[in-house]
Amino acid sequence: MRYFFVALFVAIFIAGCGAQNQEKVEKPAETATESTLAVANESVSTPEPVVAPAPAREKAATQPKKPEPAPEPPRGSESEKSELPKLWDFFATWCPPCKKQAPIIEELAAEYKGQIEIASIDTDKNQELARKFNIQAIPTLVFLDASGKEVSRHVGFFPKDSIIARFRTHGFIK
């Protein structure tokens, strides 16, 4: 009987979390404009590192959301200008583990500038890119080689020393 109540509680909790997340995901889609959709379909080179400071992420959650063009994975000769490995941090402003991960990502972006491109991608504002990379939970860290091919990913909070170890494993740093 105890297991039944535990399973019921977990099911209700998961359903409640999914409903809250669903509301947040649908809002930006309702406000998307034709120009945003056109930009999302264009070929765009590697995104500039858009590591938003933690306070800016919190502020963004309270301001109305404006559609932004989604960064795309590198394609063709445009990516040749930047032959660096990449770390893409898929996050959301309302996510507590993402808020805990943010300062680590900012530190790494500063420490490895010119060696590794590190970008934070808000999944609420870049839903198409999140779908393209099959982001199911956040935070998700996607490690890409210099050509833009995914070499690994980590779902959930990832400590700084573990990220650095992953950089070494993939040969991003010595």
C-alpha atoms as a PDB file:
ATOM      1  CA  MET A   1       0.000   0.000   0.000  1.00  0.00           C
ATOM      2  CA  ARG A   2       2.881   2.325   0.837  1.00  0.00           C
ATOM      3  CA  TYR A   3       4.349   1.869  -2.664  1.00  0.00           C
ATOM      4  CA  PHE A   4       1.008   2.701  -4.217  1.00  0.00           C
ATOM      5  CA  PHE A   5       0.875   6.059  -2.427  1.00  0.00           C
ATOM      6  CA  VAL A   6       4.488   6.826  -3.295  1.00  0.00           C
ATOM      7  CA  ALA A   7       3.849   6.004  -6.959  1.00  0.00           C
ATOM      8  CA  LEU A   8       0.670   8.113  -6.929  1.00  0.00           C
ATOM      9  CA  PHE A   9       2.512  11.054  -5.378  1.00  0.00           C
ATOM     10  CA  VAL A  10       5.311  10.822  -7.942  1.00  0.00           C
ATOM     11  CA  ALA A  11       2.812  10.633 -10.823  1.00  0.00           C
ATOM     12  CA  ILE A  12       0.924  13.713  -9.566  1.00  0.00           C
ATOM     13  CA  PHE A  13       4.177  15.610  -9.044  1.00  0.00           C
ATOM     14  CA  ILE A  14       5.431  14.794 -12.543  1.00  0.00           C
ATOM     15  CA  ALA A  15       2.075  15.691 -14.116  1.00  0.00           C
ATOM     16  CA  GLY A  16       2.049  19.005 -12.238  1.00  0.00           C
ATOM     17  CA  CYS A  17       5.587  19.856 -13.338  1.00  0.00           C
ATOM     18  CA  GLY A  18       4.792  18.968 -16.929  1.00  0.00           C
ATOM     19  CA  ALA A  19       1.735  21.240 -16.955  1.00  0.00           C
ATOM     20  CA  GLN A  20       3.754  24.195 -15.627  1.00  0.00           C
ATOM     21  CA  ASN A  21       6.505  23.584 -18.195  1.00  0.00           C
ATOM     22  CA  GLN A  22       3.962  23.234 -21.010  1.00  0.00           C
ATOM     23  CA  GLU A  23       2.538  26.702 -20.249  1.00  0.00           C
ATOM     24  CA  LYS A  24       5.970  28.298 -20.390  1.00  0.00           C
ATOM     25  CA  VAL A  25       6.870  26.534 -23.633  1.00  0.00           C
ATOM     26  CA  GLU A  26       3.710  27.551 -25.475  1.00  0.00           C
ATOM     27  CA  LYS A  27       3.812  31.282 -24.672  1.00  0.00           C
ATOM     28  CA  PRO A  28       6.761  32.201 -26.928  1.00  0.00           C
ATOM     29  CA  ALA A  29       5.273  30.207 -29.809  1.00  0.00           C
ATOM     30  CA  GLU A  30       2.111  32.338 -29.660  1.00  0.00           C
ATOM     31  CA  THR A  31       4.117  35.575 -29.990  1.00  0.00           C
ATOM     32  CA  ALA A  32       6.416  34.398 -32.786  1.00  0.00           C
ATOM     33  CA  THR A  33       6.457  36.643 -35.838  1.00  0.00           C
ATOM     34  CA  GLU A  34       6.942  35.797 -39.482  1.00  0.00           C
ATOM     35  CA  SER A  35      10.383  37.416 -39.424  1.00  0.00           C
ATOM     36  CA  THR A  36      11.431  35.161 -36.547  1.00  0.00           C
ATOM     37  CA  LEU A  37      10.259  32.115 -38.459  1.00  0.00           C
ATOM     38  CA  ALA A  38      12.114  33.273 -41.559  1.00  0.00           C
ATOM     39  CA  VAL A  39      15.320  33.813 -39.559  1.00  0.00           C
ATOM     40  CA  ALA A  40      15.010  30.364 -37.970  1.00  0.00           C
ATOM     41  CA  ASN A  41      14.968  28.779 -41.436  1.00  0.00           C
ATOM     42  CA  GLU A  42      18.050  30.648 -42.729  1.00  0.00           C
ATOM     43  CA  SER A  43      21.540  29.205 -42.554  1.00  0.00           C
ATOM     44  CA  VAL A  44      23.395  30.777 -39.655  1.00  0.00           C
ATOM     45  CA  SER A  45      26.951  30.087 -38.605  1.00  0.00           C
ATOM     46  CA  THR A  46      28.078  29.183 -35.106  1.00  0.00           C
ATOM     47  CA  PRO A  47      26.346  31.281 -32.458  1.00  0.00           C
ATOM     48  CA  GLU A  48      28.304  33.933 -30.695  1.00  0.00           C
ATOM     49  CA  PRO A  49      28.862  33.022 -27.062  1.00  0.00           C
ATOM     50  CA  VAL A  50      25.749  34.387 -25.422  1.00  0.00           C
ATOM     51  CA  VAL A  51      26.474  33.694 -21.830  1.00  0.00           C
ATOM     52  CA  ALA A  52      24.009  35.809 -19.942  1.00  0.00           C
ATOM     53  CA  PRO A  53      25.095  36.730 -16.416  1.00  0.00           C
ATOM     54  CA  ALA A  54      22.948  35.109 -13.738  1.00  0.00           C
ATOM     55  CA  PRO A  55      21.222  38.415 -12.757  1.00  0.00           C
ATOM     56  CA  ALA A  56      20.324  39.040 -16.398  1.00  0.00           C
ATOM     57  CA  ARG A  57      18.791  35.567 -16.615  1.00  0.00           C
ATOM     58  CA  GLU A  58      16.612  36.294 -13.571  1.00  0.00           C
ATOM     59  CA  LYS A  59      15.610  39.698 -14.961  1.00  0.00           C
ATOM     60  CA  ALA A  60      14.686  38.090 -18.291  1.00  0.00           C
ATOM     61  CA  ALA A  61      12.175  35.840 -16.515  1.00  0.00           C
ATOM     62  CA  THR A  62      10.184  38.878 -15.315  1.00  0.00           C
ATOM     63  CA  GLN A  63      10.275  40.824 -18.593  1.00  0.00           C
ATOM     64  CA  PRO A  64       8.033  40.050 -21.563  1.00  0.00           C
ATOM     65  CA  LYS A  65       9.694  37.597 -23.889  1.00  0.00           C
ATOM     66  CA  LYS A  66      10.720  38.846 -27.325  1.00  0.00           C
ATOM     67  CA  PRO A  67      11.369  36.310 -30.070  1.00  0.00           C
ATOM     68  CA  GLU A  68      15.051  36.048 -30.944  1.00  0.00           C
ATOM     69  CA  PRO A  69      16.607  34.310 -33.906  1.00  0.00           C
ATOM     70  CA  ALA A  70      17.775  30.855 -32.904  1.00  0.00           C
ATOM     71  CA  PRO A  71      21.468  30.066 -33.272  1.00  0.00           C
ATOM     72  CA  GLU A  72      22.028  27.212 -35.681  1.00  0.00           C
ATOM     73  CA  PRO A  73      24.740  24.581 -35.747  1.00  0.00           C
ATOM     74  CA  PRO A  74      27.580  25.441 -38.129  1.00  0.00           C
ATOM     75  CA  ARG A  75      27.044  24.741 -41.810  1.00  0.00           C
ATOM     76  CA  GLY A  76      29.233  24.946 -44.870  1.00  0.00           C
ATOM     77  CA  SER A  77      32.139  27.343 -45.299  1.00  0.00           C
ATOM     78  CA  GLU A  78      30.702  29.935 -42.897  1.00  0.00           C
ATOM     79  CA  SER A  79      31.872  27.813 -39.943  1.00  0.00           C
ATOM     80  CA  GLU A  80      35.460  27.900 -41.183  1.00  0.00           C
ATOM     81  CA  LYS A  81      35.975  31.307 -39.591  1.00  0.00           C
ATOM     82  CA  SER A  82      35.677  29.585 -36.212  1.00  0.00           C
ATOM     83  CA  GLU A  83      37.311  26.164 -36.020  1.00  0.00           C
ATOM     84  CA  LEU A  84      36.876  25.854 -32.261  1.00  0.00           C
ATOM     85  CA  PRO A  85      35.181  23.075 -30.296  1.00  0.00           C
ATOM     86  CA  LYS A  86      31.959  24.165 -28.627  1.00  0.00           C
ATOM     87  CA  LEU A  87      30.000  23.768 -25.435  1.00  0.00           C
ATOM     88  CA  TRP A  88      26.333  24.698 -25.695  1.00  0.00           C
ATOM     89  CA  ASP A  89      24.445  25.117 -22.425  1.00  0.00           C
ATOM     90  CA  PHE A  90      20.702  24.655 -22.966  1.00  0.00           C
ATOM     91  CA  PHE A  91      18.918  26.335 -20.035  1.00  0.00           C
ATOM     92  CA  ALA A  92      15.729  28.118 -18.970  1.00  0.00           C
ATOM     93  CA  THR A  93      15.397  31.178 -16.744  1.00  0.00           C
ATOM     94  CA  TRP A  94      12.905  29.460 -14.415  1.00  0.00           C
ATOM     95  CA  CYS A  95      15.075  26.351 -13.833  1.00  0.00           C
ATOM     96  CA  PRO A  96      16.875  26.186 -10.421  1.00  0.00           C
ATOM     97  CA  PRO A  97      19.661  23.781 -11.540  1.00  0.00           C
ATOM     98  CA  CYS A  98      20.228  26.045 -14.577  1.00  0.00           C
ATOM     99  CA  LYS A  99      20.654  29.032 -12.273  1.00  0.00           C
ATOM    100  CA  LYS A 100      23.217  27.041 -10.294  1.00  0.00           C
ATOM    101  CA  GLN A 101      25.012  26.042 -13.539  1.00  0.00           C
ATOM    102  CA  ALA A 102      25.099  29.628 -14.946  1.00  0.00           C
ATOM    103  CA  PRO A 103      28.089  30.988 -12.961  1.00  0.00           C
ATOM    104  CA  ILE A 104      30.142  27.918 -13.868  1.00  0.00           C
ATOM    105  CA  ILE A 105      29.395  28.408 -17.565  1.00  0.00           C
ATOM    106  CA  GLU A 106      30.340  32.103 -17.282  1.00  0.00           C
ATOM    107  CA  GLU A 107      33.677  31.225 -15.621  1.00  0.00           C
ATOM    108  CA  LEU A 108      34.477  28.625 -18.267  1.00  0.00           C
ATOM    109  CA  ALA A 109      33.608  31.064 -21.071  1.00  0.00           C
ATOM    110  CA  ALA A 110      36.084  33.573 -19.651  1.00  0.00           C
ATOM    111  CA  GLU A 111      38.808  30.997 -18.918  1.00  0.00           C
ATOM    112  CA  TYR A 112      38.683  29.238 -22.298  1.00  0.00           C
ATOM    113  CA  LYS A 113      37.943  32.237 -24.542  1.00  0.00           C
ATOM    114  CA  GLY A 114      39.696  31.659 -27.859  1.00  0.00           C
ATOM    115  CA  GLN A 115      40.037  27.908 -27.170  1.00  0.00           C
ATOM    116  CA  ILE A 116      36.420  26.753 -26.815  1.00  0.00           C
ATOM    117  CA  GLU A 117      33.249  28.529 -27.888  1.00  0.00           C
ATOM    118  CA  ILE A 118      30.824  28.445 -24.989  1.00  0.00           C
ATOM    119  CA  ALA A 119      27.229  29.561 -25.538  1.00  0.00           C
ATOM    120  CA  SER A 120      24.130  29.532 -23.348  1.00  0.00           C
ATOM    121  CA  ILE A 121      20.899  28.894 -25.225  1.00  0.00           C
ATOM    122  CA  ASP A 122      17.550  29.658 -23.596  1.00  0.00           C
ATOM    123  CA  THR A 123      15.250  26.794 -24.570  1.00  0.00           C
ATOM    124  CA  ASP A 124      12.127  28.931 -24.118  1.00  0.00           C
ATOM    125  CA  LYS A 125      13.400  31.438 -26.702  1.00  0.00           C
ATOM    126  CA  ASN A 126      15.053  28.870 -28.991  1.00  0.00           C
ATOM    127  CA  GLN A 127      12.530  26.051 -29.062  1.00  0.00           C
ATOM    128  CA  GLU A 128      13.366  24.966 -32.602  1.00  0.00           C
ATOM    129  CA  LEU A 129      17.062  24.517 -31.796  1.00  0.00           C
ATOM    130  CA  ALA A 130      16.173  22.677 -28.578  1.00  0.00           C
ATOM    131  CA  ARG A 131      13.970  20.320 -30.621  1.00  0.00           C
ATOM    132  CA  LYS A 132      16.694  19.881 -33.230  1.00  0.00           C
ATOM    133  CA  PHE A 133      19.129  18.779 -30.510  1.00  0.00           C
ATOM    134  CA  ASN A 134      16.415  16.672 -28.810  1.00  0.00           C
ATOM    135  CA  ILE A 135      16.689  18.513 -25.491  1.00  0.00           C
ATOM    136  CA  GLN A 136      14.401  16.618 -23.110  1.00  0.00           C
ATOM    137  CA  ALA A 137      15.551  18.068 -19.779  1.00  0.00           C
ATOM    138  CA  ILE A 138      17.540  21.080 -18.647  1.00  0.00           C
ATOM    139  CA  PRO A 139      20.223  21.991 -18.042  1.00  0.00           C
ATOM    140  CA  THR A 140      21.748  20.020 -20.907  1.00  0.00           C
ATOM    141  CA  LEU A 141      25.369  20.601 -21.899  1.00  0.00           C
ATOM    142  CA  VAL A 142      26.147  19.601 -25.487  1.00  0.00           C
ATOM    143  CA  PHE A 143      29.806  19.176 -26.440  1.00  0.00           C
ATOM    144  CA  LEU A 144      30.500  19.713 -30.167  1.00  0.00           C
ATOM    145  CA  ASP A 145      33.754  19.273 -32.056  1.00  0.00           C
ATOM    146  CA  ALA A 146      35.194  22.028 -34.288  1.00  0.00           C
ATOM    147  CA  SER A 147      33.066  20.875 -37.233  1.00  0.00           C
ATOM    148  CA  GLY A 148      29.867  21.164 -35.166  1.00  0.00           C
ATOM    149  CA  LYS A 149      29.318  17.427 -34.684  1.00  0.00           C
ATOM    150  CA  GLU A 150      28.011  16.415 -31.253  1.00  0.00           C
ATOM    151  CA  VAL A 151      30.582  14.332 -29.385  1.00  0.00           C
ATOM    152  CA  SER A 152      28.758  14.038 -26.051  1.00  0.00           C
ATOM    153  CA  ARG A 153      26.167  15.591 -23.787  1.00  0.00           C
ATOM    154  CA  HIS A 154      25.361  15.775 -20.103  1.00  0.00           C
ATOM    155  CA  VAL A 155      21.873  16.264 -18.677  1.00  0.00           C
ATOM    156  CA  GLY A 156      21.547  17.941 -15.274  1.00  0.00           C
ATOM    157  CA  PHE A 157      23.896  20.007 -13.174  1.00  0.00           C
ATOM    158  CA  PHE A 158      27.559  19.384 -14.058  1.00  0.00           C
ATOM    159  CA  PRO A 159      30.360  20.609 -11.736  1.00  0.00           C
ATOM    160  CA  LYS A 160      33.168  22.720 -13.200  1.00  0.00           C
ATOM    161  CA  ASP A 161      35.901  20.117 -12.670  1.00  0.00           C
ATOM    162  CA  SER A 162      33.789  17.493 -14.455  1.00  0.00           C
ATOM    163  CA  ILE A 163      33.255  19.815 -17.430  1.00  0.00           C
ATOM    164  CA  ILE A 164      37.000  20.469 -17.627  1.00  0.00           C
ATOM    165  CA  ALA A 165      37.632  16.718 -17.468  1.00  0.00           C
ATOM    166  CA  ARG A 166      35.192  16.261 -20.363  1.00  0.00           C
ATOM    167  CA  PHE A 167      37.089  18.977 -22.314  1.00  0.00           C
ATOM    168  CA  ARG A 168      40.266  16.956 -21.820  1.00  0.00           C
ATOM    169  CA  THR A 169      38.594  13.673 -22.745  1.00  0.00           C
ATOM    170  CA  HIS A 170      37.452  15.154 -26.064  1.00  0.00           C
ATOM    171  CA  GLY A 171      40.815  16.809 -26.719  1.00  0.00           C
ATOM    172  CA  PHE A 172      39.393  20.344 -26.461  1.00  0.00           C
ATOM    173  CA  ILE A 173      42.243  21.246 -24.064  1.00  0.00           C
ATOM    174  CA  LYS A 174      45.497  19.589 -22.964  1.00  0.00           C
END
